[in-house]
Protein backbone atom coordinates (compact mmCIF):
# COMPACT_ATOMS: atom_id res chain seq x y z
CA MET A 1 -29.47 43.08 0.09
CA ASN A 2 -25.86 43.35 1.26
CA ARG A 3 -25.72 43.02 5.05
CA HIS A 4 -22.10 44.18 5.07
CA PRO A 5 -21.70 47.47 3.13
CA ALA A 6 -18.27 48.44 1.86
CA PRO A 7 -16.26 49.42 4.94
CA THR A 8 -13.91 52.33 5.53
CA PHE A 9 -11.03 52.27 8.00
CA GLN A 10 -8.54 54.55 9.63
CA ARG A 11 -5.51 52.82 11.02
CA THR A 12 -1.79 53.20 11.60
CA ASP A 13 1.09 50.85 10.90
CA ALA A 14 3.35 52.59 13.40
CA GLN A 15 3.01 49.90 16.06
CA CYS A 16 2.93 46.17 16.56
CA ASN A 17 -0.73 45.19 16.29
CA LEU A 18 -0.28 42.29 18.71
CA CYS A 19 1.24 43.91 21.78
CA GLY A 20 0.78 47.61 20.97
CA THR A 21 4.40 48.71 21.14
CA GLY A 22 4.98 51.93 19.25
CA MET A 23 8.54 51.05 18.27
CA HIS A 24 9.12 51.04 14.50
CA LEU A 25 10.25 47.62 13.28
CA GLU A 26 12.64 46.96 10.43
CA ALA A 27 11.58 44.68 7.57
CA GLY A 28 11.35 41.10 8.73
CA GLU A 29 12.17 41.99 12.36
CA ALA A 30 10.52 40.27 15.32
CA CYS A 31 8.86 42.58 17.82
CA PRO A 32 11.32 43.14 20.72
CA LEU A 33 8.45 43.19 23.23
CA CYS A 34 6.27 40.21 22.26
CA ALA A 35 8.57 38.42 19.75
CA SER A 36 5.82 38.35 17.08
CA THR A 37 6.97 37.69 13.51
CA PRO A 38 5.87 39.61 10.39
CA PRO A 39 3.58 36.76 9.20
CA GLN A 40 1.89 36.69 12.62
CA ARG A 41 1.30 40.43 12.55
CA VAL A 42 -0.08 40.26 9.03
CA MET A 43 -2.41 37.44 10.04
CA ARG A 44 -3.69 39.46 12.98
CA SER A 45 -4.28 42.38 10.63
CA VAL A 46 -6.22 40.15 8.24
CA PHE A 47 -8.67 39.08 10.91
CA GLN A 48 -8.94 42.55 12.44
CA ALA A 49 -10.36 43.68 9.08
CA LEU A 50 -13.36 41.36 9.40
CA PRO A 51 -16.47 42.18 11.43
CA HIS A 52 -17.72 39.66 13.94
CA GLY A 53 -20.64 38.67 11.72
CA LEU A 54 -18.26 37.33 9.09
CA LEU A 55 -16.36 35.28 11.64
CA ALA A 56 -19.19 32.93 12.50
CA GLN A 57 -17.76 29.86 14.27
CA ARG A 58 -14.72 31.98 15.20
CA THR A 59 -14.14 34.81 17.66
CA LEU A 60 -12.54 38.25 17.69
CA ALA A 61 -11.76 38.08 21.41
CA PRO A 62 -8.04 37.92 22.21
CA ALA A 63 -6.90 34.39 22.91
CA PRO A 64 -4.80 33.32 25.88
CA GLY A 65 -2.20 31.88 23.51
CA PRO A 66 0.87 33.76 22.24
CA HIS A 67 0.36 36.96 20.22
CA GLY A 68 -3.42 36.81 20.50
CA LEU A 69 -3.77 34.07 17.86
CA ASP A 70 -7.04 32.33 18.51
CA GLU A 71 -7.13 28.65 17.55
CA ARG A 72 -10.91 28.88 17.22
CA TRP A 73 -10.42 30.87 14.00
CA PHE A 74 -9.18 27.65 12.50
CA ALA A 75 -10.43 24.09 12.09
CA GLY A 76 -8.81 20.68 12.28
CA ARG A 77 -5.40 20.39 13.90
CA ALA A 78 -4.26 23.99 13.47
CA THR A 79 -2.39 25.51 16.42
CA PRO A 80 -0.53 28.83 16.64
CA ALA A 81 2.69 27.05 15.71
CA ASP A 82 1.07 25.70 12.53
CA LEU A 83 -0.47 28.90 11.21
CA ALA A 84 2.41 30.22 9.13
CA LEU A 85 3.19 27.35 6.77
CA ALA A 86 6.30 28.17 4.76
CA ASP A 87 6.20 24.75 3.09
CA ARG A 88 3.51 24.87 0.42
CA ALA A 89 2.87 21.15 0.79
CA GLY A 90 1.62 21.99 4.28
CA ALA A 91 -1.28 23.80 2.62
CA ILE A 92 -2.61 20.51 1.27
CA ASP A 93 -2.41 18.80 4.63
CA ALA A 94 -4.00 21.76 6.42
CA LEU A 95 -6.78 22.00 3.83
CA ASP A 96 -7.59 18.32 4.28
CA ASN A 97 -8.27 19.02 7.94
CA LEU A 98 -10.65 21.93 7.37
CA SER A 99 -14.31 21.83 8.20
CA ALA A 100 -16.86 23.18 5.73
CA ARG A 101 -16.51 26.70 7.21
CA GLY A 102 -12.81 26.45 7.99
CA VAL A 103 -10.00 28.77 6.99
CA VAL A 104 -6.23 28.32 6.77
CA TYR A 105 -3.77 31.19 6.90
CA LEU A 106 -0.41 30.82 5.16
CA ASP A 107 2.44 33.14 4.41
CA GLY A 108 3.57 32.89 0.81
CA ASP A 109 2.52 33.45 -2.79
CA GLY A 110 -1.20 32.79 -3.18
CA GLY A 111 -0.85 32.16 -6.91
CA ALA A 112 1.79 29.48 -6.42
CA ILE A 113 -0.14 27.91 -3.57
CA GLY A 114 -3.33 27.88 -5.67
CA ALA A 115 -1.48 26.18 -8.54
CA LEU A 116 -0.14 23.55 -6.14
CA LEU A 117 -3.61 22.89 -4.75
CA ALA A 118 -5.04 22.54 -8.27
CA LEU A 119 -2.34 20.01 -9.12
CA ASN A 120 -3.21 18.06 -5.98
CA CYS A 121 -7.00 17.93 -6.50
CA ALA A 122 -7.67 20.24 -3.55
CA PRO A 123 -10.59 22.53 -4.46
CA CYS A 124 -11.08 25.66 -2.36
CA SER A 125 -11.26 29.45 -2.56
CA VAL A 126 -7.98 31.35 -2.40
CA ILE A 127 -7.57 34.93 -1.21
CA ALA A 128 -4.08 36.16 -2.07
CA MET A 129 -2.71 39.29 -0.41
CA ASP A 130 0.40 41.44 -0.85
CA VAL A 131 0.10 43.79 2.11
CA ALA A 132 2.11 46.07 4.38
CA GLU A 133 3.37 44.47 7.56
CA PRO A 134 1.93 46.15 10.68
CA GLY A 135 4.71 47.69 12.73
CA GLY A 136 7.29 47.56 10.00
CA GLY A 137 5.80 48.63 6.71
CA ALA A 138 7.57 46.00 4.58
CA ARG A 139 5.42 44.12 2.07
CA GLN A 140 4.40 40.59 2.99
CA ARG A 141 2.59 37.94 0.98
CA ALA A 142 -0.22 36.12 2.73
CA THR A 143 -2.85 33.63 1.65
CA LEU A 144 -6.21 32.50 2.99
CA LEU A 145 -7.75 29.19 1.95
CA LEU A 146 -11.48 28.84 2.55
CA ARG A 147 -13.72 25.83 2.03
CA ASP A 148 -16.86 27.87 1.43
CA PRO A 149 -16.70 30.13 -1.67
CA ALA A 150 -19.52 32.24 -0.21
CA ASP A 151 -17.24 33.09 2.73
CA ALA A 152 -14.51 34.17 0.32
CA ALA A 153 -16.93 36.44 -1.55
CA ARG A 154 -18.08 38.05 1.71
CA TRP A 155 -14.57 38.50 3.10
CA LEU A 156 -13.03 40.02 -0.03
CA PRO A 157 -14.46 43.60 0.13
CA TRP A 158 -13.50 43.99 3.78
CA LEU A 159 -9.94 42.85 3.14
CA GLN A 160 -9.66 45.09 0.10
CA ALA A 161 -10.95 48.09 2.08
CA TRP A 162 -8.41 47.45 4.84
CA HIS A 163 -5.36 46.70 2.69
CA GLY A 164 -6.25 48.39 -0.61
CA PRO A 165 -8.10 46.95 -3.66
CA GLY A 166 -4.88 46.18 -5.54
CA ALA A 167 -3.38 44.26 -2.64
CA VAL A 168 -6.06 41.55 -2.31
CA ALA A 169 -7.48 39.20 -4.96
CA ALA A 170 -9.61 36.08 -4.86
CA SER A 171 -9.62 32.99 -7.07
CA VAL A 172 -11.16 29.54 -7.03
CA VAL A 173 -9.45 26.17 -7.29
CA GLU A 174 -12.15 24.19 -9.09
CA ASP A 175 -13.07 20.60 -8.32
CA PRO A 176 -11.40 18.66 -11.17
CA PHE A 177 -13.83 15.76 -10.79
CA ALA A 178 -17.00 17.77 -11.46
CA ALA A 179 -17.13 16.70 -15.14
CA LEU A 180 -16.66 13.04 -14.15
CA ARG A 181 -19.54 13.23 -11.69
CA THR A 182 -21.73 14.68 -14.41
CA GLU A 183 -20.84 11.90 -16.85
CA LEU A 184 -21.33 9.13 -14.30
CA ALA A 185 -24.72 10.62 -13.41
CA VAL A 186 -25.74 10.01 -17.04
CA TRP A 187 -24.65 6.36 -16.79
CA GLN A 188 -26.63 5.99 -13.60
CA ALA A 189 -29.73 7.64 -15.03
CA GLU A 190 -29.57 5.30 -18.04
CA GLN A 191 -29.07 2.32 -15.70
CA ARG A 192 -25.83 1.26 -17.38
CA GLU A 193 -22.99 -0.54 -15.65
CA CYS A 194 -19.72 1.35 -15.95
CA SER A 195 -16.78 -1.05 -15.64
CA PHE A 196 -13.24 0.01 -14.69
CA TRP A 197 -10.10 -1.97 -14.05
CA TRP A 198 -6.66 -1.09 -12.72
CA ARG A 199 -3.16 -2.09 -13.88
CA ASP A 200 0.12 -1.11 -12.26
CA ASP A 201 3.49 -1.67 -13.97
CA ASP A 202 7.18 -2.23 -13.15
CA LEU A 203 7.07 -4.12 -9.85
CA VAL A 204 10.46 -5.53 -8.83
CA ALA A 205 10.58 -5.53 -5.00
CA ASP A 206 8.71 -4.88 -1.80
CA SER A 207 8.72 -1.17 -0.92
CA PRO A 208 6.70 1.49 0.92
CA ALA A 209 5.20 2.43 -2.47
CA LEU A 210 4.01 -1.15 -3.05
CA ARG A 211 2.44 -1.21 0.40
CA ARG A 212 0.78 2.11 -0.31
CA LEU A 213 -0.61 0.66 -3.53
CA ALA A 214 -1.93 -2.41 -1.72
CA ALA A 215 -3.51 -0.33 1.05
CA LEU A 216 -5.21 2.00 -1.44
CA SER A 217 -6.50 -0.95 -3.45
CA GLN A 218 -7.85 -2.66 -0.35
CA ARG A 219 -9.42 0.48 1.11
CA HIS A 220 -11.41 1.13 -2.06
CA ASP A 221 -12.02 -2.55 -2.90
CA ALA A 222 -10.39 -2.05 -6.30
CA PRO A 223 -8.19 -5.05 -7.27
CA VAL A 224 -4.98 -4.41 -9.22
CA LEU A 225 -3.18 -6.40 -11.89
CA VAL A 226 0.48 -5.75 -11.07
CA ALA A 227 2.98 -6.29 -13.89
CA VAL A 228 6.25 -7.73 -12.55
CA ILE A 229 9.61 -7.52 -14.35
CA PRO A 230 10.72 -11.18 -13.96
CA ALA A 231 14.47 -10.73 -14.40
CA GLN A 232 14.56 -7.99 -11.76
CA ALA A 233 12.05 -9.47 -9.33
CA ASP A 234 13.40 -9.81 -5.80
CA ALA A 235 13.34 -13.36 -4.43
CA GLU A 236 11.57 -12.08 -1.30
CA LEU A 237 8.80 -10.38 -3.28
CA ALA A 238 6.47 -13.38 -3.26
CA SER A 239 6.54 -13.80 0.53
CA ALA A 240 6.38 -10.06 1.15
CA SER A 241 3.25 -9.72 -0.98
CA ALA A 242 1.53 -12.90 0.20
CA GLY A 243 0.15 -11.79 3.55
CA GLY A 244 -1.39 -8.34 3.54
CA MET A 245 -2.02 -7.74 -0.16
CA PRO A 246 -5.12 -9.78 -1.02
CA THR A 247 -6.34 -7.41 -3.75
CA LEU A 248 -3.17 -7.70 -5.85
CA VAL A 249 -2.62 -10.31 -8.57
CA PHE A 250 0.50 -10.54 -10.68
CA CYS A 251 1.29 -10.81 -14.36
CA GLN A 252 4.39 -10.83 -16.57
CA HIS A 253 6.02 -7.57 -17.65
CA GLY A 254 8.28 -8.90 -20.41
CA TRP A 255 11.57 -10.25 -19.12
CA GLY A 256 14.17 -7.61 -18.20
CA HIS A 257 12.54 -4.35 -19.36
CA ILE A 258 15.51 -3.83 -21.68
CA ASN A 259 15.27 -1.72 -24.81
CA HIS A 260 16.17 -3.65 -28.00
CA ALA A 261 14.92 -1.04 -30.47
CA GLY A 262 17.27 0.58 -32.92
CA ALA A 263 18.46 4.16 -32.73
CA GLY A 264 15.66 6.64 -33.31
CA GLN A 265 12.93 4.00 -32.80
CA PRO A 266 10.43 3.92 -29.92
CA ASN A 267 11.64 1.86 -26.97
CA SER A 268 10.61 -1.81 -27.02
CA GLU A 269 11.75 -5.10 -25.58
CA PHE A 270 9.67 -7.28 -27.90
CA GLY A 271 9.40 -5.26 -31.07
CA PRO A 272 9.93 -6.52 -34.65
CA GLU A 273 13.70 -5.92 -34.51
CA ARG A 274 14.24 -8.74 -31.99
CA ASP A 275 15.36 -12.19 -33.06
CA ALA A 276 12.22 -14.33 -32.70
CA HIS A 277 14.05 -17.21 -31.00
CA ASP A 278 15.67 -14.92 -28.43
CA ALA A 279 12.41 -13.10 -27.73
CA GLU A 280 10.49 -16.33 -27.17
CA ALA A 281 13.24 -17.66 -24.91
CA ASP A 282 13.02 -14.51 -22.76
CA LEU A 283 9.26 -14.80 -22.49
CA ALA A 284 9.48 -18.48 -21.55
CA ARG A 285 12.07 -17.70 -18.84
CA GLY A 286 9.85 -14.91 -17.58
CA GLY A 287 6.85 -17.20 -17.32
CA GLU A 288 8.84 -19.81 -15.38
CA ARG A 289 10.09 -17.15 -12.98
CA MET A 290 6.58 -15.79 -12.39
CA ARG A 291 5.12 -19.24 -11.69
CA ALA A 292 7.94 -20.03 -9.29
CA LEU A 293 7.39 -16.78 -7.41
CA PHE A 294 3.63 -16.48 -7.31
CA GLY A 295 2.05 -19.85 -8.09
CA GLU A 296 -1.70 -19.43 -8.45
CA ARG A 297 -1.45 -15.67 -7.89
CA PHE A 298 0.23 -15.42 -11.30
CA MET A 299 -2.14 -14.57 -14.14
CA PRO A 300 -0.66 -15.60 -17.54
CA VAL A 301 -1.06 -12.11 -18.99
CA MET A 302 1.75 -10.44 -20.91
CA VAL A 303 2.27 -6.69 -20.48
CA PRO A 304 5.00 -5.74 -22.97
CA PRO A 305 7.40 -3.07 -21.70
CA TRP A 306 6.68 0.32 -23.26
CA ASN A 307 3.42 -1.30 -24.50
CA LYS A 308 5.15 -2.41 -27.73
CA LEU A 309 4.74 -5.95 -29.10
CA SER A 310 5.41 -7.26 -32.61
CA PRO A 311 2.38 -8.95 -34.27
CA ALA A 312 4.43 -12.09 -34.93
CA LEU A 313 5.31 -12.45 -31.26
CA ALA A 314 1.75 -11.69 -30.16
CA ALA A 315 0.60 -14.62 -32.28
CA ARG A 316 3.01 -16.88 -30.37
CA LEU A 317 1.88 -15.92 -26.85
CA PRO A 318 -0.74 -18.69 -26.40
CA ALA A 319 1.85 -21.32 -27.33
CA LEU A 320 4.13 -19.81 -24.67
CA GLY A 321 1.46 -20.20 -21.98
CA LEU A 322 0.28 -16.59 -22.03
CA GLY A 323 -3.45 -16.33 -22.67
CA GLY A 324 -3.80 -12.57 -22.24
CA VAL A 325 -2.07 -9.39 -23.31
CA SER A 326 -2.53 -5.80 -22.16
CA GLN A 327 -1.09 -2.74 -23.89
CA TYR A 328 -2.29 0.86 -24.17
CA LEU A 329 -5.19 2.29 -26.12
CA ALA A 330 -4.50 2.87 -29.83
CA GLU A 331 -1.55 0.44 -30.09
CA PRO A 332 -2.17 -1.49 -33.35
CA HIS A 333 -3.01 -5.18 -33.11
CA ALA A 334 -4.70 -8.04 -34.92
CA PRO A 335 -6.92 -10.66 -33.24
CA VAL A 336 -5.09 -13.82 -32.18
CA ALA A 337 -6.88 -17.12 -31.54
CA GLY A 338 -6.59 -18.08 -27.87
CA LEU A 339 -5.39 -14.61 -26.81
CA VAL A 340 -7.54 -12.15 -24.83
CA ARG A 341 -6.43 -8.54 -25.24
CA VAL A 342 -7.66 -5.83 -22.87
CA ASP A 343 -5.86 -2.50 -22.90
CA THR A 344 -5.51 0.39 -20.48
CA HIS A 345 -6.74 3.85 -21.47
CA LEU A 346 -5.67 6.41 -18.85
CA ASP A 347 -2.00 6.64 -17.80
CA ILE A 348 -1.98 8.91 -14.76
CA VAL A 349 1.80 9.58 -14.72
CA ASP A 350 3.23 12.54 -16.67
CA TRP A 351 6.16 10.87 -18.44
CA ARG A 352 6.94 13.99 -20.46
CA ASN A 353 7.71 15.81 -17.23
CA GLY A 354 10.05 13.36 -15.53
CA ALA A 355 7.29 11.09 -14.20
CA GLY A 356 5.62 14.15 -12.69
CA VAL A 357 2.02 14.88 -11.79
CA ARG A 358 -0.41 15.30 -14.66
CA GLU A 359 -2.91 18.14 -14.43
CA PRO A 360 -5.99 16.54 -12.79
CA ALA A 361 -8.46 18.48 -14.92
CA ALA A 362 -6.77 17.22 -18.10
CA LEU A 363 -6.85 13.63 -16.83
CA VAL A 364 -10.53 13.90 -16.00
CA GLU A 365 -11.25 15.46 -19.41
CA ARG A 366 -9.60 12.46 -21.10
CA LEU A 367 -11.42 10.02 -18.86
CA VAL A 368 -14.79 11.61 -19.60
CA ALA A 369 -14.07 11.41 -23.35
CA ILE A 370 -13.26 7.69 -22.98
CA LEU A 371 -16.44 7.13 -20.97
CA GLN A 372 -18.45 8.83 -23.68
CA MET A 373 -16.80 6.61 -26.31
CA ARG A 374 -17.77 3.60 -24.21
CA ARG A 375 -21.31 4.83 -23.72
CA ASN A 376 -21.71 5.50 -27.45
CA GLY A 377 -20.47 2.05 -28.47
CA GLN A 378 -17.10 3.20 -29.88
CA LEU A 379 -15.23 1.29 -27.16
CA ARG A 380 -16.36 -2.10 -25.92
CA GLU A 381 -13.83 -3.08 -23.26
CA PRO A 382 -13.76 -1.95 -19.62
CA ILE A 383 -11.87 1.26 -18.99
CA GLY A 384 -8.33 0.61 -17.78
CA VAL A 385 -6.46 2.95 -15.46
CA LEU A 386 -2.65 2.62 -15.53
CA SER A 387 -0.36 3.53 -12.63
CA HIS A 388 3.35 3.07 -11.82
CA HIS A 389 3.73 2.89 -8.05
CA ARG A 390 7.53 3.11 -8.06
CA VAL A 391 7.68 6.63 -9.52
CA MET A 392 4.41 8.26 -8.50
CA LEU A 393 4.53 11.56 -6.61
CA ASP A 394 2.07 12.52 -3.90
CA GLY A 395 -0.11 14.47 -6.33
CA THR A 396 -0.56 11.39 -8.52
CA TRP A 397 -1.40 9.22 -5.51
CA ARG A 398 -3.91 11.84 -4.43
CA PHE A 399 -5.54 11.86 -7.86
CA LEU A 400 -5.85 8.08 -7.82
CA ASP A 401 -7.29 8.05 -4.30
CA GLN A 402 -9.88 10.69 -5.18
CA LEU A 403 -10.76 8.98 -8.47
CA LEU A 404 -11.54 5.79 -6.56
CA ALA A 405 -13.52 7.74 -3.97
CA VAL A 406 -15.57 9.62 -6.60
CA THR A 407 -16.47 6.44 -8.50
CA ALA A 408 -17.46 4.76 -5.23
CA GLY A 409 -20.25 7.31 -4.95
CA PHE A 410 -22.04 5.86 -8.01
CA SER A 411 -23.75 2.49 -7.86
CA CYS A 412 -23.33 2.12 -11.64
CA VAL A 413 -19.53 1.86 -11.30
CA ARG A 414 -17.79 -1.47 -10.79
CA TRP A 415 -14.04 -1.99 -10.41
CA LEU A 416 -13.43 -5.40 -11.96
CA HIS A 417 -11.09 -8.05 -10.67
CA PRO A 418 -8.40 -8.81 -13.30
CA ARG A 419 -9.71 -12.37 -13.56
CA ASP A 420 -13.06 -10.93 -14.66
CA VAL A 421 -11.33 -8.58 -17.10
CA PHE A 422 -9.56 -11.51 -18.78
CA GLN A 423 -12.43 -13.92 -18.25
CA GLY A 424 -11.82 -15.77 -21.53
CA MET A 425 -8.63 -17.09 -19.95
CA THR A 426 -10.41 -19.03 -17.20
CA SER A 427 -9.54 -22.53 -18.39
CA MET A 428 -5.91 -21.61 -19.13
CA ILE A 429 -5.48 -20.04 -15.69
CA GLN A 430 -6.78 -23.19 -14.04
CA THR A 431 -4.44 -25.35 -16.12
CA GLU A 432 -1.44 -23.17 -15.31
CA ALA A 433 -2.26 -23.21 -11.58
CA GLN A 434 -2.42 -27.01 -11.61
CA CYS A 435 0.94 -27.18 -13.39
CA ALA A 436 2.48 -24.77 -10.88
CA ALA A 437 1.17 -26.88 -8.00
């Protein structure tokens, strides 16, 4: 039974709904008596439409603050100065601070804000409004973000009755990780161990992004194999990474990350077009540089730039002191004696969109498909996640953080140390460390 039947209202827009002045206001004008802005008046109108029973944990009583905005309507750090967030990125921050029954009010396009939240793995319910501004009559866009979808369903008819059915619409930003949780629940029920590992490419120098990578790795206890470009590596990198980055180990990312492919061919530094002598010389120089920089923190694993490596050069890697190689899923290869190959499978950066943010739901869909391949015996190696700290945008960092958090909720998941991933290299690693010493 519906406890809140469809309401009917009689109201007037001929006055400021915050101070009561009857003066007509021009579009976008602040009230001359109380200095309220159009977004503040629209927000007040939004909450005036809701009966007290729907504002549990909030109040309809006027607040002592400016314009009658009551901070108790909101959760987290929201204050009257924070309520109208013109910057859409502020929606993500505000949503992170919401309690389970919290609500955030924003001025702006609800559709665009919802799309931004979806791209940033921020599930919630969105009520988008295009309504008349009290006191002025101009149209204003406003958006409510609610944690609890049941609240959104209860609020919608009241807002539509107050502002008109065509002016208010609700939508849901789905949790992109729901399918992953379902798949991991199957692994757990079948008592299987689900192994992941993490590789990050293109390290050349200490930076805030590198420190963010190290902090994320340490917080989630997920070690990272970081591929360093030897020719570009800063001389201070070794000392900068030595102290507070215990979960990072380092491997060789080619030599200079320089494209030697011919016109019209996929980029590669060590493809079949390279002179074999020159290619081997570059790899040898790269190995020497890595050992000099990192000593025992260097793992003799070759990550070819652009994931391209000629079969002939792959066969020579063990003789060059490189006992492991890591490329990307589906790159062709043949087994090489003395060489352990473990690839990555999920690149979280959208390279087709200028190193932008991939759609989280699409990434999760791919990851679930890979997990199912692994569970069905079509893939036998641990699942590798590939990141590029130097270019990642906040949405990509957020996806990675939430991926690590979601997997931490399942006892069947284990994030492997790179030394365990390339465990067949144990004796070679020990030999190389002794040589470096």
